[in-house]
């Protein structure tokens, strides 16, 4: 009986209640309005309901309004573009003083093909397990920055510009750019997010 109650407790509903957010289990599309132009991202709410719901709440609370892409890492074959809030989360706490949400982290959330629900606080360490992941890193993928082995930041995210199998199963990949990749690829360290808008 204990095992059943434990399993039921740590599902998406448990975490949404704990974080005081409305849980969505449907895919959504958001528009990133940036200083370089616009691009659209499909959010994988069906596979990552907690991560997507948390992100949508941030959007509705204007957490990402006029926020700089605070870190860009460039390698010969790939680029990481970080956005969200300053690395120390200072602005996040300033803006959320009067909101119910106080947690600086959310659980790592990954989904396996043969499982109906995502796994929480679980990081893949065996590379063979990545074959069964629903979402893996590819050009335009968006994932939450990690702040611990099994925890994601509640505000900070990053985009990648190529497949990175070494990182699959270690981050919560919760969406992908579906329109405007040409705009996204031009973003550099001087650019910023003017706004993120929910399209549908």
N, C-alpha and C. Protein backbone atom coordinates (compact mmCIF):
# COMPACT_ATOMS: atom_id res chain seq x y z
N UNK A 1 0.82 -1.21 0.00
CA UNK A 1 0.00 0.00 0.00
C UNK A 1 0.86 1.26 0.00
N UNK A 2 1.97 1.23 0.76
CA UNK A 2 2.86 2.39 0.82
C UNK A 2 3.44 2.71 -0.56
N UNK A 3 3.87 1.66 -1.26
CA UNK A 3 4.46 1.86 -2.58
C UNK A 3 3.49 2.54 -3.52
N UNK A 4 2.20 2.12 -3.47
CA UNK A 4 1.19 2.71 -4.35
C UNK A 4 1.02 4.19 -4.05
N UNK A 5 0.93 4.52 -2.76
CA UNK A 5 0.71 5.91 -2.41
C UNK A 5 1.92 6.77 -2.76
N UNK A 6 3.12 6.21 -2.66
CA UNK A 6 4.33 6.95 -3.03
C UNK A 6 4.31 7.25 -4.52
N UNK A 7 3.96 6.25 -5.32
CA UNK A 7 3.94 6.41 -6.77
C UNK A 7 2.92 7.47 -7.17
N UNK A 8 1.76 7.44 -6.54
CA UNK A 8 0.71 8.38 -6.86
C UNK A 8 1.10 9.81 -6.44
N UNK A 9 1.81 9.92 -5.32
CA UNK A 9 2.15 11.22 -4.78
C UNK A 9 3.06 12.02 -5.71
N UNK A 10 4.05 11.35 -6.28
CA UNK A 10 5.05 12.07 -7.06
C UNK A 10 4.75 12.02 -8.56
N UNK A 11 3.55 12.46 -8.93
CA UNK A 11 3.21 12.59 -10.34
C UNK A 11 3.11 14.08 -10.67
N UNK A 12 2.68 14.40 -11.88
CA UNK A 12 2.63 15.81 -12.29
C UNK A 12 1.67 16.62 -11.42
N UNK A 13 0.55 16.03 -11.03
CA UNK A 13 -0.40 16.75 -10.18
C UNK A 13 0.21 17.11 -8.84
N UNK A 14 0.99 16.19 -8.28
CA UNK A 14 1.66 16.45 -7.01
C UNK A 14 2.58 17.67 -7.12
N UNK A 15 3.40 17.69 -8.18
CA UNK A 15 4.35 18.79 -8.32
C UNK A 15 3.66 20.10 -8.67
N UNK A 16 2.61 20.05 -9.49
CA UNK A 16 1.88 21.29 -9.81
C UNK A 16 1.24 21.88 -8.55
N UNK A 17 0.69 21.01 -7.71
CA UNK A 17 0.11 21.49 -6.45
C UNK A 17 1.20 22.06 -5.54
N UNK A 18 2.32 21.35 -5.47
CA UNK A 18 3.42 21.79 -4.62
C UNK A 18 3.95 23.15 -5.07
N UNK A 19 4.02 23.36 -6.39
CA UNK A 19 4.54 24.62 -6.94
C UNK A 19 3.46 25.68 -7.10
N UNK A 20 2.22 25.29 -6.81
CA UNK A 20 1.08 26.21 -6.90
C UNK A 20 0.91 26.76 -8.32
N UNK A 21 0.93 25.84 -9.29
CA UNK A 21 0.71 26.23 -10.68
C UNK A 21 -0.41 25.40 -11.28
N UNK A 22 -1.07 25.95 -12.30
CA UNK A 22 -2.12 25.22 -13.00
C UNK A 22 -1.47 24.26 -13.98
N UNK A 23 -1.77 22.98 -13.85
CA UNK A 23 -1.12 21.97 -14.69
C UNK A 23 -1.81 21.85 -16.04
N UNK A 24 -1.04 22.01 -17.11
CA UNK A 24 -1.57 21.79 -18.45
C UNK A 24 -0.92 20.54 -19.02
N UNK A 25 -1.72 19.70 -19.68
CA UNK A 25 -1.16 18.49 -20.29
C UNK A 25 -1.40 18.50 -21.79
N UNK A 26 -1.40 19.69 -22.37
CA UNK A 26 -1.55 19.81 -23.82
C UNK A 26 -0.40 20.64 -24.38
N UNK A 27 -0.07 20.39 -25.63
CA UNK A 27 1.00 21.14 -26.27
C UNK A 27 0.52 22.57 -26.57
N UNK A 28 1.41 23.53 -26.39
CA UNK A 28 1.10 24.93 -26.63
C UNK A 28 2.15 25.52 -27.55
N UNK A 29 1.84 26.66 -28.15
CA UNK A 29 2.80 27.38 -28.98
C UNK A 29 2.98 28.78 -28.41
N UNK A 30 4.24 29.20 -28.27
CA UNK A 30 4.52 30.56 -27.81
C UNK A 30 5.39 31.27 -28.84
N UNK A 31 5.25 32.58 -28.87
CA UNK A 31 6.05 33.42 -29.76
C UNK A 31 7.09 34.17 -28.95
N UNK A 32 8.36 33.98 -29.31
CA UNK A 32 9.45 34.74 -28.70
C UNK A 32 9.68 35.99 -29.56
N UNK A 33 9.37 37.14 -28.99
CA UNK A 33 9.63 38.41 -29.67
C UNK A 33 10.99 38.89 -29.17
N UNK A 34 11.99 38.95 -30.06
CA UNK A 34 13.35 39.30 -29.64
C UNK A 34 13.85 40.52 -30.41
N UNK A 35 15.00 41.01 -29.99
CA UNK A 35 15.61 42.16 -30.65
C UNK A 35 16.08 41.82 -32.07
N UNK A 36 16.13 40.54 -32.42
CA UNK A 36 16.52 40.11 -33.77
C UNK A 36 15.30 39.78 -34.64
N UNK A 37 14.12 39.68 -34.02
CA UNK A 37 12.92 39.26 -34.73
C UNK A 37 12.18 38.21 -33.92
N UNK A 38 11.21 37.56 -34.56
CA UNK A 38 10.36 36.61 -33.83
C UNK A 38 10.63 35.16 -34.24
N UNK A 39 10.44 34.26 -33.29
CA UNK A 39 10.41 32.84 -33.61
C UNK A 39 9.40 32.15 -32.70
N UNK A 40 8.85 31.04 -33.18
CA UNK A 40 7.80 30.33 -32.45
C UNK A 40 8.32 29.01 -31.91
N UNK A 41 7.84 28.67 -30.72
CA UNK A 41 8.27 27.44 -30.05
C UNK A 41 7.04 26.61 -29.67
N UNK A 42 7.05 25.34 -30.04
CA UNK A 42 6.02 24.42 -29.56
C UNK A 42 6.48 23.86 -28.22
N UNK A 43 5.61 23.96 -27.21
CA UNK A 43 5.92 23.44 -25.88
C UNK A 43 5.26 22.08 -25.70
N UNK A 44 6.03 21.11 -25.19
CA UNK A 44 5.57 19.72 -25.10
C UNK A 44 4.83 19.45 -23.78
N UNK A 45 3.67 20.07 -23.63
CA UNK A 45 2.89 19.91 -22.41
C UNK A 45 2.40 18.49 -22.18
N UNK A 46 2.21 17.73 -23.27
CA UNK A 46 1.74 16.34 -23.12
C UNK A 46 2.81 15.47 -22.46
N UNK A 47 4.07 15.75 -22.76
CA UNK A 47 5.17 14.94 -22.23
C UNK A 47 5.83 15.55 -20.99
N UNK A 48 5.78 16.87 -20.87
CA UNK A 48 6.44 17.58 -19.76
C UNK A 48 5.48 18.59 -19.11
N UNK A 49 4.39 18.10 -18.52
CA UNK A 49 3.37 19.02 -18.01
C UNK A 49 3.84 19.97 -16.92
N UNK A 50 4.71 19.52 -16.02
CA UNK A 50 5.16 20.39 -14.93
C UNK A 50 6.07 21.49 -15.47
N UNK A 51 7.04 21.11 -16.31
CA UNK A 51 7.99 22.08 -16.86
C UNK A 51 7.27 23.10 -17.73
N UNK A 52 6.37 22.64 -18.58
CA UNK A 52 5.64 23.55 -19.47
C UNK A 52 4.69 24.45 -18.67
N UNK A 53 4.00 23.89 -17.70
CA UNK A 53 3.08 24.70 -16.89
C UNK A 53 3.82 25.78 -16.13
N UNK A 54 4.98 25.42 -15.59
CA UNK A 54 5.82 26.39 -14.89
C UNK A 54 6.28 27.50 -15.84
N UNK A 55 6.70 27.11 -17.05
CA UNK A 55 7.16 28.09 -18.05
C UNK A 55 6.02 29.02 -18.45
N UNK A 56 4.83 28.46 -18.67
CA UNK A 56 3.68 29.28 -19.06
C UNK A 56 3.30 30.27 -17.97
N UNK A 57 3.42 29.83 -16.72
CA UNK A 57 3.13 30.75 -15.63
C UNK A 57 4.14 31.90 -15.62
N UNK A 58 5.41 31.58 -15.89
CA UNK A 58 6.43 32.62 -15.98
C UNK A 58 6.09 33.62 -17.08
N UNK A 59 5.61 33.09 -18.22
CA UNK A 59 5.22 33.96 -19.34
C UNK A 59 4.08 34.88 -18.91
N UNK A 60 3.07 34.30 -18.27
CA UNK A 60 1.91 35.09 -17.85
C UNK A 60 2.28 36.14 -16.80
N UNK A 61 3.30 35.85 -16.02
CA UNK A 61 3.75 36.80 -14.99
C UNK A 61 4.85 37.75 -15.49
N UNK A 62 5.09 37.71 -16.81
CA UNK A 62 6.06 38.62 -17.45
C UNK A 62 7.49 38.48 -16.91
N UNK A 63 7.84 37.27 -16.47
CA UNK A 63 9.20 37.04 -15.96
C UNK A 63 10.24 37.27 -17.06
N UNK A 64 9.86 36.98 -18.32
CA UNK A 64 10.84 37.06 -19.40
C UNK A 64 10.80 38.38 -20.17
N UNK A 65 10.00 39.32 -19.71
CA UNK A 65 9.85 40.61 -20.38
C UNK A 65 11.17 41.39 -20.35
N UNK A 66 11.64 41.77 -21.54
CA UNK A 66 12.88 42.56 -21.68
C UNK A 66 14.08 41.92 -20.97
N UNK A 67 14.18 40.61 -21.10
CA UNK A 67 15.29 39.87 -20.48
C UNK A 67 16.37 39.53 -21.50
N UNK A 68 17.60 39.79 -21.15
CA UNK A 68 18.73 39.52 -22.04
C UNK A 68 18.99 38.02 -22.14
N UNK A 69 19.47 37.59 -23.31
CA UNK A 69 20.04 36.25 -23.43
C UNK A 69 21.37 36.33 -22.69
N UNK A 70 21.37 35.86 -21.43
CA UNK A 70 22.47 36.21 -20.53
C UNK A 70 23.77 35.44 -20.76
N UNK A 71 23.71 34.34 -21.51
CA UNK A 71 24.94 33.59 -21.77
C UNK A 71 24.82 32.86 -23.10
N UNK A 72 25.83 33.02 -23.94
CA UNK A 72 25.87 32.31 -25.22
C UNK A 72 27.21 31.61 -25.31
N UNK A 73 27.18 30.29 -25.47
CA UNK A 73 28.40 29.49 -25.57
C UNK A 73 28.50 28.98 -27.00
N UNK A 74 29.60 29.30 -27.66
CA UNK A 74 29.77 28.92 -29.06
C UNK A 74 30.91 27.93 -29.23
N UNK A 75 30.59 26.79 -29.85
CA UNK A 75 31.58 25.79 -30.22
C UNK A 75 31.60 25.72 -31.75
N UNK A 76 32.62 25.09 -32.34
CA UNK A 76 32.67 25.02 -33.81
C UNK A 76 31.39 24.47 -34.45
N UNK A 77 30.78 23.46 -33.85
CA UNK A 77 29.62 22.82 -34.47
C UNK A 77 28.30 23.09 -33.76
N UNK A 78 28.31 23.87 -32.68
CA UNK A 78 27.05 24.08 -31.94
C UNK A 78 27.10 25.36 -31.12
N UNK A 79 25.90 25.77 -30.71
CA UNK A 79 25.77 26.98 -29.91
C UNK A 79 24.71 26.74 -28.83
N UNK A 80 24.99 27.21 -27.61
CA UNK A 80 24.03 27.19 -26.51
C UNK A 80 23.62 28.63 -26.24
N UNK A 81 22.33 28.90 -26.23
CA UNK A 81 21.83 30.25 -25.97
C UNK A 81 20.97 30.22 -24.71
N UNK A 82 21.46 30.85 -23.66
CA UNK A 82 20.78 30.84 -22.36
C UNK A 82 19.93 32.10 -22.18
N UNK A 83 18.73 31.92 -21.65
CA UNK A 83 17.86 33.04 -21.37
C UNK A 83 17.04 32.77 -20.12
N UNK A 84 16.22 33.75 -19.76
CA UNK A 84 15.33 33.55 -18.61
C UNK A 84 15.48 34.64 -17.58
N UNK A 85 16.51 34.54 -16.78
CA UNK A 85 16.75 35.50 -15.72
C UNK A 85 18.25 35.50 -15.47
N UNK A 86 18.74 36.46 -14.73
CA UNK A 86 20.16 36.49 -14.41
C UNK A 86 20.53 35.20 -13.68
N UNK A 87 21.77 34.74 -13.81
CA UNK A 87 22.17 33.47 -13.20
C UNK A 87 21.91 33.38 -11.70
N UNK A 88 21.89 34.50 -11.01
CA UNK A 88 21.67 34.46 -9.57
C UNK A 88 20.19 34.53 -9.20
N UNK A 89 19.32 34.62 -10.21
CA UNK A 89 17.88 34.63 -9.96
C UNK A 89 17.40 35.85 -9.18
N UNK A 90 18.22 36.88 -9.13
CA UNK A 90 17.86 38.06 -8.32
C UNK A 90 16.55 38.69 -8.80
N UNK A 91 16.46 38.91 -10.11
CA UNK A 91 15.27 39.55 -10.65
C UNK A 91 14.03 38.71 -10.42
N UNK A 92 14.20 37.39 -10.53
CA UNK A 92 13.06 36.50 -10.32
C UNK A 92 12.43 36.72 -8.95
N UNK A 93 13.25 36.78 -7.93
CA UNK A 93 12.71 36.95 -6.58
C UNK A 93 12.12 38.34 -6.39
N UNK A 94 12.73 39.35 -7.01
CA UNK A 94 12.19 40.71 -6.90
C UNK A 94 10.80 40.79 -7.52
N UNK A 95 10.64 40.16 -8.66
CA UNK A 95 9.36 40.24 -9.37
C UNK A 95 8.30 39.35 -8.73
N UNK A 96 8.71 38.35 -7.98
CA UNK A 96 7.75 37.39 -7.44
C UNK A 96 7.49 37.56 -5.94
N UNK A 97 7.88 38.68 -5.40
CA UNK A 97 7.66 38.90 -3.97
C UNK A 97 6.18 38.80 -3.59
N UNK A 98 5.30 39.23 -4.48
CA UNK A 98 3.88 39.23 -4.16
C UNK A 98 3.12 38.06 -4.79
N UNK A 99 3.87 37.12 -5.38
CA UNK A 99 3.23 35.95 -5.98
C UNK A 99 3.33 34.75 -5.05
N UNK A 100 2.48 33.78 -5.27
CA UNK A 100 2.48 32.59 -4.41
C UNK A 100 3.68 31.70 -4.68
N UNK A 101 4.25 31.80 -5.88
CA UNK A 101 5.34 30.91 -6.26
C UNK A 101 6.65 31.37 -5.62
N UNK A 102 7.28 30.51 -4.86
CA UNK A 102 8.52 30.90 -4.19
C UNK A 102 9.66 29.93 -4.45
N UNK A 103 9.37 28.79 -5.04
CA UNK A 103 10.40 27.78 -5.24
C UNK A 103 11.38 28.21 -6.34
N UNK A 104 12.70 28.17 -6.07
CA UNK A 104 13.67 28.50 -7.11
C UNK A 104 13.97 27.33 -8.03
N UNK A 105 13.33 26.17 -7.80
CA UNK A 105 13.61 25.00 -8.62
C UNK A 105 12.35 24.20 -8.89
N UNK A 106 12.41 23.40 -9.95
CA UNK A 106 11.35 22.45 -10.28
C UNK A 106 12.03 21.11 -10.53
N UNK A 107 11.27 20.00 -10.49
CA UNK A 107 11.94 18.71 -10.67
C UNK A 107 12.38 18.47 -12.11
N UNK A 108 13.48 17.74 -12.27
CA UNK A 108 13.88 17.26 -13.58
C UNK A 108 12.74 16.37 -14.07
N UNK A 109 12.33 16.55 -15.33
CA UNK A 109 11.16 15.84 -15.87
C UNK A 109 11.50 15.28 -17.25
N UNK A 110 11.56 13.96 -17.37
CA UNK A 110 11.83 13.34 -18.67
C UNK A 110 10.80 12.25 -18.94
N UNK A 111 10.56 12.01 -20.23
CA UNK A 111 9.51 11.07 -20.63
C UNK A 111 10.10 9.96 -21.49
N UNK A 112 9.72 8.72 -21.16
CA UNK A 112 10.13 7.55 -21.93
C UNK A 112 8.99 7.09 -22.84
N UNK A 113 9.35 6.58 -24.00
CA UNK A 113 8.35 6.19 -25.00
C UNK A 113 7.36 5.16 -24.50
N UNK A 114 7.83 4.18 -23.72
CA UNK A 114 6.95 3.09 -23.31
C UNK A 114 6.17 3.41 -22.03
N UNK A 115 6.36 4.59 -21.47
CA UNK A 115 5.70 4.95 -20.21
C UNK A 115 4.66 6.04 -20.42
N UNK A 116 3.53 5.92 -19.74
CA UNK A 116 2.44 6.88 -19.94
C UNK A 116 2.69 8.20 -19.23
N UNK A 117 3.47 8.18 -18.16
CA UNK A 117 3.74 9.39 -17.38
C UNK A 117 5.24 9.69 -17.37
N UNK A 118 5.60 10.98 -17.22
CA UNK A 118 7.03 11.31 -17.13
C UNK A 118 7.65 10.85 -15.82
N UNK A 119 8.96 10.76 -15.82
CA UNK A 119 9.68 10.46 -14.58
C UNK A 119 10.20 11.78 -14.00
N UNK A 120 10.23 11.83 -12.67
CA UNK A 120 10.67 13.04 -11.98
C UNK A 120 11.91 12.77 -11.15
N UNK A 121 12.78 13.79 -11.09
CA UNK A 121 14.01 13.71 -10.30
C UNK A 121 14.85 12.49 -10.68
N UNK A 122 14.83 12.16 -11.98
CA UNK A 122 15.55 10.98 -12.46
C UNK A 122 16.41 11.39 -13.65
N UNK A 123 17.71 11.20 -13.52
CA UNK A 123 18.63 11.54 -14.60
C UNK A 123 19.20 10.26 -15.19
N UNK A 124 19.20 10.17 -16.52
CA UNK A 124 19.76 9.00 -17.19
C UNK A 124 21.28 8.99 -17.05
N UNK A 125 21.79 7.86 -16.61
CA UNK A 125 23.24 7.71 -16.51
C UNK A 125 23.75 6.62 -17.44
N UNK A 126 22.85 5.73 -17.85
CA UNK A 126 23.20 4.67 -18.78
C UNK A 126 22.84 5.13 -20.20
N UNK A 127 23.82 5.37 -21.07
CA UNK A 127 23.54 5.89 -22.42
C UNK A 127 22.53 5.06 -23.22
N UNK A 128 22.45 3.75 -22.96
CA UNK A 128 21.52 2.91 -23.72
C UNK A 128 20.05 3.29 -23.45
N UNK A 129 19.79 3.90 -22.29
CA UNK A 129 18.42 4.31 -21.95
C UNK A 129 17.91 5.45 -22.83
N UNK A 130 18.83 6.23 -23.41
CA UNK A 130 18.40 7.40 -24.18
C UNK A 130 17.63 7.01 -25.44
N UNK A 131 17.78 5.77 -25.88
CA UNK A 131 17.07 5.31 -27.08
C UNK A 131 15.56 5.36 -26.89
N UNK A 132 15.12 5.26 -25.62
CA UNK A 132 13.69 5.23 -25.34
C UNK A 132 13.10 6.58 -24.93
N UNK A 133 13.89 7.65 -25.03
CA UNK A 133 13.38 8.97 -24.67
C UNK A 133 12.43 9.50 -25.74
N UNK A 134 11.40 10.19 -25.31
CA UNK A 134 10.48 10.82 -26.25
C UNK A 134 11.14 12.03 -26.91
N UNK A 135 11.84 12.84 -26.11
CA UNK A 135 12.47 14.06 -26.63
C UNK A 135 13.98 14.03 -26.42
N UNK A 136 14.70 14.35 -27.49
CA UNK A 136 16.16 14.44 -27.43
C UNK A 136 16.60 15.78 -28.03
N UNK A 137 17.83 16.17 -27.74
CA UNK A 137 18.33 17.46 -28.23
C UNK A 137 18.52 17.45 -29.74
N UNK A 138 17.99 18.49 -30.39
CA UNK A 138 18.20 18.71 -31.81
C UNK A 138 18.15 20.21 -32.07
N UNK A 139 18.37 20.63 -33.29
CA UNK A 139 18.40 22.05 -33.62
C UNK A 139 17.09 22.73 -33.20
N UNK A 140 17.19 23.72 -32.31
CA UNK A 140 16.00 24.44 -31.87
C UNK A 140 15.37 23.93 -30.60
N UNK A 141 15.92 22.88 -30.01
CA UNK A 141 15.36 22.36 -28.74
C UNK A 141 15.56 23.37 -27.63
N UNK A 142 14.57 23.44 -26.72
CA UNK A 142 14.67 24.28 -25.53
C UNK A 142 14.57 23.38 -24.30
N UNK A 143 15.44 23.63 -23.33
CA UNK A 143 15.46 22.83 -22.10
C UNK A 143 15.69 23.76 -20.92
N UNK A 144 15.32 23.29 -19.73
CA UNK A 144 15.57 24.09 -18.53
C UNK A 144 17.02 23.90 -18.09
N UNK A 145 17.61 24.99 -17.61
CA UNK A 145 18.94 24.93 -16.99
C UNK A 145 18.82 24.11 -15.71
N UNK A 146 19.86 23.35 -15.37
CA UNK A 146 19.83 22.56 -14.13
C UNK A 146 20.49 23.32 -12.99
N UNK A 147 19.97 23.12 -11.76
CA UNK A 147 20.61 23.71 -10.59
C UNK A 147 20.98 22.63 -9.58
N UNK A 148 20.99 21.40 -10.03
CA UNK A 148 21.37 20.27 -9.20
C UNK A 148 21.25 19.03 -10.07
N UNK A 149 21.66 17.90 -9.55
CA UNK A 149 21.64 16.68 -10.36
C UNK A 149 20.24 16.36 -10.87
N UNK A 150 19.22 16.53 -10.03
CA UNK A 150 17.86 16.16 -10.42
C UNK A 150 16.87 17.32 -10.33
N UNK A 151 17.37 18.55 -10.38
CA UNK A 151 16.50 19.72 -10.28
C UNK A 151 16.76 20.67 -11.44
N UNK A 152 15.70 21.30 -11.91
CA UNK A 152 15.81 22.32 -12.94
C UNK A 152 15.58 23.69 -12.32
N UNK A 153 16.17 24.71 -12.92
CA UNK A 153 15.84 26.08 -12.52
C UNK A 153 14.36 26.32 -12.81
N UNK A 154 13.73 27.17 -12.05
CA UNK A 154 12.32 27.45 -12.32
C UNK A 154 12.14 28.53 -13.38
N UNK A 155 13.21 29.23 -13.76
CA UNK A 155 13.07 30.29 -14.76
C UNK A 155 14.05 30.19 -15.93
N UNK A 156 15.25 29.75 -15.68
CA UNK A 156 16.30 29.81 -16.70
C UNK A 156 16.25 28.62 -17.66
N UNK A 157 16.41 28.92 -18.94
CA UNK A 157 16.34 27.89 -19.98
C UNK A 157 17.46 28.10 -20.98
N UNK A 158 17.64 27.13 -21.86
CA UNK A 158 18.62 27.30 -22.94
C UNK A 158 18.14 26.60 -24.20
N UNK A 159 18.58 27.15 -25.34
CA UNK A 159 18.33 26.56 -26.65
C UNK A 159 19.63 25.96 -27.16
N UNK A 160 19.51 24.94 -28.01
CA UNK A 160 20.69 24.38 -28.68
C UNK A 160 20.47 24.42 -30.19
N UNK A 161 21.58 24.36 -30.92
CA UNK A 161 21.49 24.48 -32.38
C UNK A 161 21.84 23.20 -33.13
N UNK A 162 21.95 22.10 -32.40
CA UNK A 162 22.28 20.83 -33.07
C UNK A 162 21.92 19.66 -32.15
N UNK A 163 22.02 18.46 -32.68
CA UNK A 163 21.84 17.26 -31.84
C UNK A 163 22.99 17.18 -30.84
N UNK A 164 22.67 16.85 -29.59
CA UNK A 164 23.73 16.67 -28.57
C UNK A 164 23.37 15.43 -27.75
N UNK A 165 23.62 14.24 -28.28
CA UNK A 165 23.21 13.02 -27.59
C UNK A 165 23.82 12.86 -26.20
N UNK A 166 24.99 13.48 -25.97
CA UNK A 166 25.65 13.37 -24.66
C UNK A 166 24.81 13.98 -23.55
N UNK A 167 23.91 14.92 -23.90
CA UNK A 167 23.10 15.60 -22.89
C UNK A 167 21.68 15.03 -22.77
N UNK A 168 21.32 14.12 -23.68
CA UNK A 168 19.97 13.55 -23.64
C UNK A 168 19.72 12.82 -22.32
N UNK A 169 18.56 13.07 -21.74
CA UNK A 169 18.21 12.40 -20.49
C UNK A 169 18.79 13.06 -19.25
N UNK A 170 19.48 14.18 -19.45
CA UNK A 170 20.09 14.87 -18.30
C UNK A 170 19.44 16.23 -18.05
N UNK A 171 18.60 16.67 -18.98
CA UNK A 171 17.91 17.96 -18.86
C UNK A 171 16.44 17.78 -19.26
N UNK A 172 15.59 18.67 -18.78
CA UNK A 172 14.17 18.64 -19.16
C UNK A 172 14.00 19.39 -20.48
N UNK A 173 13.94 18.63 -21.58
CA UNK A 173 13.67 19.23 -22.90
C UNK A 173 12.16 19.39 -23.00
N UNK A 174 11.69 20.62 -23.14
CA UNK A 174 10.24 20.81 -23.06
C UNK A 174 9.65 21.53 -24.27
N UNK A 175 10.44 21.68 -25.34
CA UNK A 175 9.89 22.31 -26.54
C UNK A 175 10.90 22.37 -27.66
N UNK A 176 10.45 22.95 -28.78
CA UNK A 176 11.31 23.05 -29.96
C UNK A 176 10.83 24.20 -30.84
N UNK A 177 11.78 24.91 -31.43
CA UNK A 177 11.43 25.98 -32.37
C UNK A 177 10.80 25.37 -33.61
N UNK A 178 9.62 25.88 -33.99
CA UNK A 178 8.92 25.35 -35.16
C UNK A 178 8.82 26.38 -36.30
N UNK A 179 9.17 27.64 -35.97
CA UNK A 179 9.11 28.69 -36.99
C UNK A 179 10.10 29.78 -36.61
N UNK A 180 10.89 30.25 -37.59
CA UNK A 180 11.82 31.34 -37.34
C UNK A 180 13.21 30.90 -36.92
N UNK A 181 13.61 29.69 -37.32
CA UNK A 181 14.97 29.24 -36.97
C UNK A 181 16.05 30.17 -37.53
N UNK A 182 15.77 30.78 -38.67
CA UNK A 182 16.74 31.70 -39.26
C UNK A 182 16.96 32.91 -38.34
N UNK A 183 15.87 33.39 -37.71
CA UNK A 183 15.97 34.50 -36.76
C UNK A 183 16.75 34.06 -35.53
N UNK A 184 16.39 32.91 -35.01
CA UNK A 184 17.04 32.37 -33.82
C UNK A 184 18.55 32.22 -34.01
N UNK A 185 18.96 31.74 -35.17
CA UNK A 185 20.39 31.49 -35.42
C UNK A 185 21.22 32.77 -35.47
N UNK A 186 20.56 33.92 -35.61
CA UNK A 186 21.29 35.20 -35.65
C UNK A 186 21.49 35.81 -34.27
N UNK A 187 20.88 35.23 -33.24
CA UNK A 187 20.96 35.82 -31.89
C UNK A 187 22.39 35.77 -31.37
N UNK A 188 22.83 36.90 -30.79
CA UNK A 188 24.15 36.96 -30.18
C UNK A 188 24.05 37.56 -28.79
N UNK A 189 25.18 37.81 -28.16
CA UNK A 189 25.19 38.19 -26.74
C UNK A 189 24.59 39.56 -26.46
N UNK A 190 24.39 40.38 -27.47
CA UNK A 190 23.76 41.69 -27.25
C UNK A 190 22.25 41.63 -27.32
N UNK A 191 21.70 40.50 -27.75
CA UNK A 191 20.25 40.41 -27.97
C UNK A 191 19.48 40.09 -26.70
N UNK A 192 18.17 40.36 -26.77
CA UNK A 192 17.32 40.14 -25.60
C UNK A 192 15.91 39.76 -26.03
N UNK A 193 15.18 39.21 -25.09
CA UNK A 193 13.77 38.85 -25.31
C UNK A 193 12.92 40.06 -24.95
N UNK A 194 12.19 40.57 -25.92
CA UNK A 194 11.27 41.68 -25.66
C UNK A 194 10.03 41.18 -24.92
N UNK A 195 9.53 40.01 -25.35
CA UNK A 195 8.35 39.41 -24.71
C UNK A 195 8.20 37.98 -25.21
N UNK A 196 7.51 37.17 -24.42
CA UNK A 196 7.09 35.84 -24.86
C UNK A 196 5.56 35.84 -24.78
N UNK A 197 4.93 35.48 -25.88
CA UNK A 197 3.46 35.52 -25.94
C UNK A 197 2.91 34.13 -26.24
N UNK A 198 1.85 33.76 -25.53
CA UNK A 198 1.18 32.48 -25.77
C UNK A 198 0.26 32.63 -26.99
N UNK A 199 0.48 31.82 -28.02
CA UNK A 199 -0.33 31.90 -29.24
C UNK A 199 -1.56 31.01 -29.11
N UNK A 200 -1.34 29.75 -28.71
CA UNK A 200 -2.47 28.84 -28.49
C UNK A 200 -2.02 27.65 -27.66
